[in-house]
Amino acid sequence: MALRYKIDIMEALKNSGYTSYKMRKDKIIGERQLQQIRNGEIVSNAMLNKLCELLNCQPGDIIEYVDD
């Protein structure tokens, strides 16, 4: 099973007004999770929920399944 991001999460967050600095400062998303996102690693369900909340979207808008 290969899940991957369909969009550039960091760019989408930035376009929604959430810079890396703001997310760390306001404790919205921690540095570890930001690094996972930057590295293309799929984050936990809880973090996926948070991303959907911040980006006002559905999980299917963020991730997709790619058959190996």
PDB file of N, CA and C in Angstrom:
ATOM      1  N   MET A   1       0.849  -1.181   0.000  1.00  0.00           N
ATOM      2  CA  MET A   1       0.000   0.000   0.000  1.00  0.00           C
ATOM      3  C   MET A   1       0.889   1.236   0.000  1.00  0.00           C
ATOM      4  N   ALA A   2       0.619   2.138  -0.900  1.00  0.00           N
ATOM      5  CA  ALA A   2       1.414   3.353  -0.981  1.00  0.00           C
ATOM      6  C   ALA A   2       0.494   4.567  -0.974  1.00  0.00           C
ATOM      7  N   LEU A   3       0.502   5.260   0.124  1.00  0.00           N
ATOM      8  CA  LEU A   3      -0.235   6.511   0.218  1.00  0.00           C
ATOM      9  C   LEU A   3       0.745   7.642  -0.029  1.00  0.00           C
ATOM     10  N   ARG A   4       0.279   8.666  -0.690  1.00  0.00           N
ATOM     11  CA  ARG A   4       1.120   9.839  -0.913  1.00  0.00           C
ATOM     12  C   ARG A   4       0.238  11.082  -0.935  1.00  0.00           C
ATOM     13  N   TYR A   5       0.900  12.215  -0.756  1.00  0.00           N
ATOM     14  CA  TYR A   5       0.183  13.481  -0.789  1.00  0.00           C
ATOM     15  C   TYR A   5      -0.132  13.864  -2.228  1.00  0.00           C
ATOM     16  N   LYS A   6      -1.348  14.314  -2.453  1.00  0.00           N
ATOM     17  CA  LYS A   6      -1.763  14.785  -3.779  1.00  0.00           C
ATOM     18  C   LYS A   6      -1.352  16.225  -4.023  1.00  0.00           C
ATOM     19  N   ILE A   7      -1.188  16.962  -2.934  1.00  0.00           N
ATOM     20  CA  ILE A   7      -0.871  18.386  -3.029  1.00  0.00           C
ATOM     21  C   ILE A   7       0.380  18.672  -2.202  1.00  0.00           C
ATOM     22  N   ASP A   8       0.961  19.827  -2.406  1.00  0.00           N
ATOM     23  CA  ASP A   8       2.067  20.289  -1.577  1.00  0.00           C
ATOM     24  C   ASP A   8       1.443  20.870  -0.309  1.00  0.00           C
ATOM     25  N   ILE A   9       1.484  20.107   0.760  1.00  0.00           N
ATOM     26  CA  ILE A   9       0.824  20.494   2.011  1.00  0.00           C
ATOM     27  C   ILE A   9       1.372  21.819   2.546  1.00  0.00           C
ATOM     28  N   MET A  10       2.686  21.950   2.547  1.00  0.00           N
ATOM     29  CA  MET A  10       3.283  23.179   3.081  1.00  0.00           C
ATOM     30  C   MET A  10       2.851  24.397   2.275  1.00  0.00           C
ATOM     31  N   GLU A  11       2.793  24.269   0.978  1.00  0.00           N
ATOM     32  CA  GLU A  11       2.347  25.376   0.120  1.00  0.00           C
ATOM     33  C   GLU A  11       0.876  25.697   0.383  1.00  0.00           C
ATOM     34  N   ALA A  12       0.051  24.653   0.515  1.00  0.00           N
ATOM     35  CA  ALA A  12      -1.377  24.859   0.781  1.00  0.00           C
ATOM     36  C   ALA A  12      -1.580  25.557   2.126  1.00  0.00           C
ATOM     37  N   LEU A  13      -0.808  25.133   3.140  1.00  0.00           N
ATOM     38  CA  LEU A  13      -0.906  25.786   4.446  1.00  0.00           C
ATOM     39  C   LEU A  13      -0.479  27.246   4.358  1.00  0.00           C
ATOM     40  N   LYS A  14       0.616  27.488   3.654  1.00  0.00           N
ATOM     41  CA  LYS A  14       1.110  28.860   3.489  1.00  0.00           C
ATOM     42  C   LYS A  14       0.057  29.729   2.797  1.00  0.00           C
ATOM     43  N   ASN A  15      -0.582  29.183   1.751  1.00  0.00           N
ATOM     44  CA  ASN A  15      -1.624  29.927   1.034  1.00  0.00           C
ATOM     45  C   ASN A  15      -2.840  30.195   1.911  1.00  0.00           C
ATOM     46  N   SER A  16      -3.020  29.372   2.948  1.00  0.00           N
ATOM     47  CA  SER A  16      -4.132  29.570   3.882  1.00  0.00           C
ATOM     48  C   SER A  16      -3.740  30.433   5.071  1.00  0.00           C
ATOM     49  N   GLY A  17      -2.507  30.963   5.046  1.00  0.00           N
ATOM     50  CA  GLY A  17      -2.071  31.871   6.099  1.00  0.00           C
ATOM     51  C   GLY A  17      -1.322  31.209   7.238  1.00  0.00           C
ATOM     52  N   TYR A  18      -0.913  29.962   7.066  1.00  0.00           N
ATOM     53  CA  TYR A  18      -0.207  29.227   8.121  1.00  0.00           C
ATOM     54  C   TYR A  18       1.240  28.984   7.713  1.00  0.00           C
ATOM     55  N   THR A  19       2.138  29.861   8.138  1.00  0.00           N
ATOM     56  CA  THR A  19       3.555  29.660   7.875  1.00  0.00           C
ATOM     57  C   THR A  19       4.107  28.670   8.899  1.00  0.00           C
ATOM     58  N   SER A  20       5.275  28.124   8.615  1.00  0.00           N
ATOM     59  CA  SER A  20       5.929  27.211   9.561  1.00  0.00           C
ATOM     60  C   SER A  20       6.108  27.884  10.910  1.00  0.00           C
ATOM     61  N   TYR A  21       6.563  29.117  10.871  1.00  0.00           N
ATOM     62  CA  TYR A  21       6.782  29.877  12.109  1.00  0.00           C
ATOM     63  C   TYR A  21       5.491  30.018  12.901  1.00  0.00           C
ATOM     64  N   LYS A  22       4.423  30.428  12.242  1.00  0.00           N
ATOM     65  CA  LYS A  22       3.136  30.631  12.921  1.00  0.00           C
ATOM     66  C   LYS A  22       2.623  29.320  13.523  1.00  0.00           C
ATOM     67  N   MET A  23       2.764  28.219  12.784  1.00  0.00           N
ATOM     68  CA  MET A  23       2.262  26.934  13.282  1.00  0.00           C
ATOM     69  C   MET A  23       3.037  26.481  14.509  1.00  0.00           C
ATOM     70  N   ARG A  24       4.358  26.698  14.516  1.00  0.00           N
ATOM     71  CA  ARG A  24       5.157  26.333  15.691  1.00  0.00           C
ATOM     72  C   ARG A  24       4.873  27.283  16.845  1.00  0.00           C
ATOM     73  N   LYS A  25       4.856  28.569  16.564  1.00  0.00           N
ATOM     74  CA  LYS A  25       4.650  29.592  17.601  1.00  0.00           C
ATOM     75  C   LYS A  25       3.300  29.420  18.296  1.00  0.00           C
ATOM     76  N   ASP A  26       2.253  29.221  17.498  1.00  0.00           N
ATOM     77  CA  ASP A  26       0.903  29.078  18.049  1.00  0.00           C
ATOM     78  C   ASP A  26       0.570  27.640  18.443  1.00  0.00           C
ATOM     79  N   LYS A  27       1.566  26.753  18.328  1.00  0.00           N
ATOM     80  CA  LYS A  27       1.423  25.336  18.694  1.00  0.00           C
ATOM     81  C   LYS A  27       0.267  24.669  17.954  1.00  0.00           C
ATOM     82  N   ILE A  28       0.150  24.992  16.671  1.00  0.00           N
ATOM     83  CA  ILE A  28      -0.869  24.382  15.814  1.00  0.00           C
ATOM     84  C   ILE A  28      -0.376  23.035  15.326  1.00  0.00           C
ATOM     85  N   ILE A  29       0.855  23.002  14.842  1.00  0.00           N
ATOM     86  CA  ILE A  29       1.508  21.775  14.390  1.00  0.00           C
ATOM     87  C   ILE A  29       2.939  21.819  14.887  1.00  0.00           C
ATOM     88  N   GLY A  30       3.402  20.715  15.473  1.00  0.00           N
ATOM     89  CA  GLY A  30       4.756  20.650  16.004  1.00  0.00           C
ATOM     90  C   GLY A  30       5.810  20.466  14.919  1.00  0.00           C
ATOM     91  N   GLU A  31       7.054  20.698  15.302  1.00  0.00           N
ATOM     92  CA  GLU A  31       8.174  20.592  14.362  1.00  0.00           C
ATOM     93  C   GLU A  31       8.310  19.182  13.795  1.00  0.00           C
ATOM     94  N   ARG A  32       8.101  18.170  14.626  1.00  0.00           N
ATOM     95  CA  ARG A  32       8.210  16.781  14.146  1.00  0.00           C
ATOM     96  C   ARG A  32       7.211  16.510  13.031  1.00  0.00           C
ATOM     97  N   GLN A  33       5.968  16.927  13.219  1.00  0.00           N
ATOM     98  CA  GLN A  33       4.943  16.722  12.204  1.00  0.00           C
ATOM     99  C   GLN A  33       5.249  17.522  10.944  1.00  0.00           C
ATOM    100  N   LEU A  34       5.755  18.741  11.108  1.00  0.00           N
ATOM    101  CA  LEU A  34       6.123  19.557   9.948  1.00  0.00           C
ATOM    102  C   LEU A  34       7.224  18.864   9.144  1.00  0.00           C
ATOM    103  N   GLN A  35       8.197  18.271   9.845  1.00  0.00           N
ATOM    104  CA  GLN A  35       9.269  17.555   9.149  1.00  0.00           C
ATOM    105  C   GLN A  35       8.722  16.346   8.403  1.00  0.00           C
ATOM    106  N   GLN A  36       7.801  15.626   9.007  1.00  0.00           N
ATOM    107  CA  GLN A  36       7.183  14.481   8.333  1.00  0.00           C
ATOM    108  C   GLN A  36       6.494  14.933   7.050  1.00  0.00           C
ATOM    109  N   ILE A  37       5.761  16.013   7.129  1.00  0.00           N
ATOM    110  CA  ILE A  37       5.053  16.541   5.955  1.00  0.00           C
ATOM    111  C   ILE A  37       6.057  16.961   4.886  1.00  0.00           C
ATOM    112  N   ARG A  38       7.100  17.670   5.294  1.00  0.00           N
ATOM    113  CA  ARG A  38       8.130  18.114   4.334  1.00  0.00           C
ATOM    114  C   ARG A  38       8.796  16.929   3.638  1.00  0.00           C
ATOM    115  N   ASN A  39       8.969  15.827   4.379  1.00  0.00           N
ATOM    116  CA  ASN A  39       9.627  14.638   3.832  1.00  0.00           C
ATOM    117  C   ASN A  39       8.671  13.732   3.058  1.00  0.00           C
ATOM    118  N   GLY A  40       7.404  14.128   2.965  1.00  0.00           N
ATOM    119  CA  GLY A  40       6.432  13.337   2.226  1.00  0.00           C
ATOM    120  C   GLY A  40       5.907  12.136   2.983  1.00  0.00           C
ATOM    121  N   GLU A  41       6.195  12.062   4.277  1.00  0.00           N
ATOM    122  CA  GLU A  41       5.708  10.964   5.106  1.00  0.00           C
ATOM    123  C   GLU A  41       4.254  11.236   5.495  1.00  0.00           C
ATOM    124  N   ILE A  42       3.434  10.213   5.402  1.00  0.00           N
ATOM    125  CA  ILE A  42       2.033  10.362   5.783  1.00  0.00           C
ATOM    126  C   ILE A  42       1.952  10.469   7.299  1.00  0.00           C
ATOM    127  N   VAL A  43       1.242  11.460   7.778  1.00  0.00           N
ATOM    128  CA  VAL A  43       1.129  11.736   9.206  1.00  0.00           C
ATOM    129  C   VAL A  43       0.007  10.908   9.826  1.00  0.00           C
ATOM    130  N   SER A  44      -0.134  11.005  11.121  1.00  0.00           N
ATOM    131  CA  SER A  44      -1.150  10.250  11.859  1.00  0.00           C
ATOM    132  C   SER A  44      -2.563  10.705  11.490  1.00  0.00           C
ATOM    133  N   ASN A  45      -3.532   9.900  11.877  1.00  0.00           N
ATOM    134  CA  ASN A  45      -4.934  10.258  11.639  1.00  0.00           C
ATOM    135  C   ASN A  45      -5.291  11.576  12.311  1.00  0.00           C
ATOM    136  N   ALA A  46      -4.795  11.769  13.523  1.00  0.00           N
ATOM    137  CA  ALA A  46      -5.086  13.010  14.246  1.00  0.00           C
ATOM    138  C   ALA A  46      -4.526  14.215  13.491  1.00  0.00           C
ATOM    139  N   MET A  47      -3.317  14.083  12.955  1.00  0.00           N
ATOM    140  CA  MET A  47      -2.723  15.193  12.210  1.00  0.00           C
ATOM    141  C   MET A  47      -3.434  15.391  10.882  1.00  0.00           C
ATOM    142  N   LEU A  48      -3.867  14.303  10.263  1.00  0.00           N
ATOM    143  CA  LEU A  48      -4.641  14.419   9.024  1.00  0.00           C
ATOM    144  C   LEU A  48      -5.944  15.164   9.289  1.00  0.00           C
ATOM    145  N   ASN A  49      -6.580  14.877  10.423  1.00  0.00           N
ATOM    146  CA  ASN A  49      -7.786  15.619  10.822  1.00  0.00           C
ATOM    147  C   ASN A  49      -7.483  17.102  10.967  1.00  0.00           C
ATOM    148  N   LYS A  50      -6.350  17.423  11.591  1.00  0.00           N
ATOM    149  CA  LYS A  50      -5.963  18.821  11.803  1.00  0.00           C
ATOM    150  C   LYS A  50      -5.705  19.513  10.471  1.00  0.00           C
ATOM    151  N   LEU A  51      -5.009  18.823   9.549  1.00  0.00           N
ATOM    152  CA  LEU A  51      -4.748  19.400   8.234  1.00  0.00           C
ATOM    153  C   LEU A  51      -6.056  19.687   7.495  1.00  0.00           C
ATOM    154  N   CYS A  52      -6.999  18.746   7.574  1.00  0.00           N
ATOM    155  CA  CYS A  52      -8.296  18.955   6.919  1.00  0.00           C
ATOM    156  C   CYS A  52      -9.023  20.149   7.517  1.00  0.00           C
ATOM    157  N   GLU A  53      -8.915  20.301   8.826  1.00  0.00           N
ATOM    158  CA  GLU A  53      -9.540  21.451   9.499  1.00  0.00           C
ATOM    159  C   GLU A  53      -8.900  22.757   9.035  1.00  0.00           C
ATOM    160  N   LEU A  54      -7.569  22.801   9.013  1.00  0.00           N
ATOM    161  CA  LEU A  54      -6.858  24.023   8.638  1.00  0.00           C
ATOM    162  C   LEU A  54      -7.077  24.388   7.174  1.00  0.00           C
ATOM    163  N   LEU A  55      -7.122  23.366   6.312  1.00  0.00           N
ATOM    164  CA  LEU A  55      -7.249  23.611   4.871  1.00  0.00           C
ATOM    165  C   LEU A  55      -8.702  23.580   4.393  1.00  0.00           C
ATOM    166  N   ASN A  56      -9.619  23.276   5.325  1.00  0.00           N
ATOM    167  CA  ASN A  56     -11.040  23.210   4.991  1.00  0.00           C
ATOM    168  C   ASN A  56     -11.278  22.277   3.799  1.00  0.00           C
ATOM    169  N   CYS A  57     -10.840  21.017   3.975  1.00  0.00           N
ATOM    170  CA  CYS A  57     -10.967  20.051   2.889  1.00  0.00           C
ATOM    171  C   CYS A  57     -11.224  18.654   3.455  1.00  0.00           C
ATOM    172  N   GLN A  58     -11.347  17.691   2.581  1.00  0.00           N
ATOM    173  CA  GLN A  58     -11.540  16.292   2.939  1.00  0.00           C
ATOM    174  C   GLN A  58     -10.211  15.550   2.805  1.00  0.00           C
ATOM    175  N   PRO A  59     -10.033  14.422   3.528  1.00  0.00           N
ATOM    176  CA  PRO A  59      -8.784  13.660   3.424  1.00  0.00           C
ATOM    177  C   PRO A  59      -8.433  13.269   1.983  1.00  0.00           C
ATOM    178  N   GLY A  60      -9.442  12.962   1.184  1.00  0.00           N
ATOM    179  CA  GLY A  60      -9.211  12.602  -0.210  1.00  0.00           C
ATOM    180  C   GLY A  60      -8.673  13.742  -1.052  1.00  0.00           C
ATOM    181  N   ASP A  61      -8.788  14.967  -0.554  1.00  0.00           N
ATOM    182  CA  ASP A  61      -8.213  16.118  -1.237  1.00  0.00           C
ATOM    183  C   ASP A  61      -6.714  16.226  -0.973  1.00  0.00           C
ATOM    184  N   ILE A  62      -6.263  15.539   0.079  1.00  0.00           N
ATOM    185  CA  ILE A  62      -4.876  15.649   0.514  1.00  0.00           C
ATOM    186  C   ILE A  62      -4.038  14.425   0.125  1.00  0.00           C
ATOM    187  N   ILE A  63      -4.593  13.228   0.340  1.00  0.00           N
ATOM    188  CA  ILE A  63      -3.826  12.009   0.093  1.00  0.00           C
ATOM    189  C   ILE A  63      -4.516  11.138  -0.950  1.00  0.00           C
ATOM    190  N   GLU A  64      -3.714  10.252  -1.539  1.00  0.00           N
ATOM    191  CA  GLU A  64      -4.236   9.305  -2.503  1.00  0.00           C
ATOM    192  C   GLU A  64      -3.485   7.988  -2.369  1.00  0.00           C
ATOM    193  N   TYR A  65      -4.128   6.922  -2.809  1.00  0.00           N
ATOM    194  CA  TYR A  65      -3.522   5.604  -2.833  1.00  0.00           C
ATOM    195  C   TYR A  65      -2.947   5.372  -4.211  1.00  0.00           C
ATOM    196  N   VAL A  66      -1.701   4.926  -4.249  1.00  0.00           N
ATOM    197  CA  VAL A  66      -1.036   4.618  -5.499  1.00  0.00           C
ATOM    198  C   VAL A  66      -0.627   3.150  -5.452  1.00  0.00           C
ATOM    199  N   ASP A  67      -1.118   2.374  -6.398  1.00  0.00           N
ATOM    200  CA  ASP A  67      -0.785   0.941  -6.455  1.00  0.00           C
ATOM    201  C   ASP A  67       0.673   0.774  -6.817  1.00  0.00           C
ATOM    202  N   ASP A  68       1.350  -0.083  -6.084  1.00  0.00           N
ATOM    203  CA  ASP A  68       2.780  -0.315  -6.347  1.00  0.00           C
ATOM    204  C   ASP A  68       3.009  -1.054  -7.610  1.00  0.00           C
TER     205      ASP A  68
END
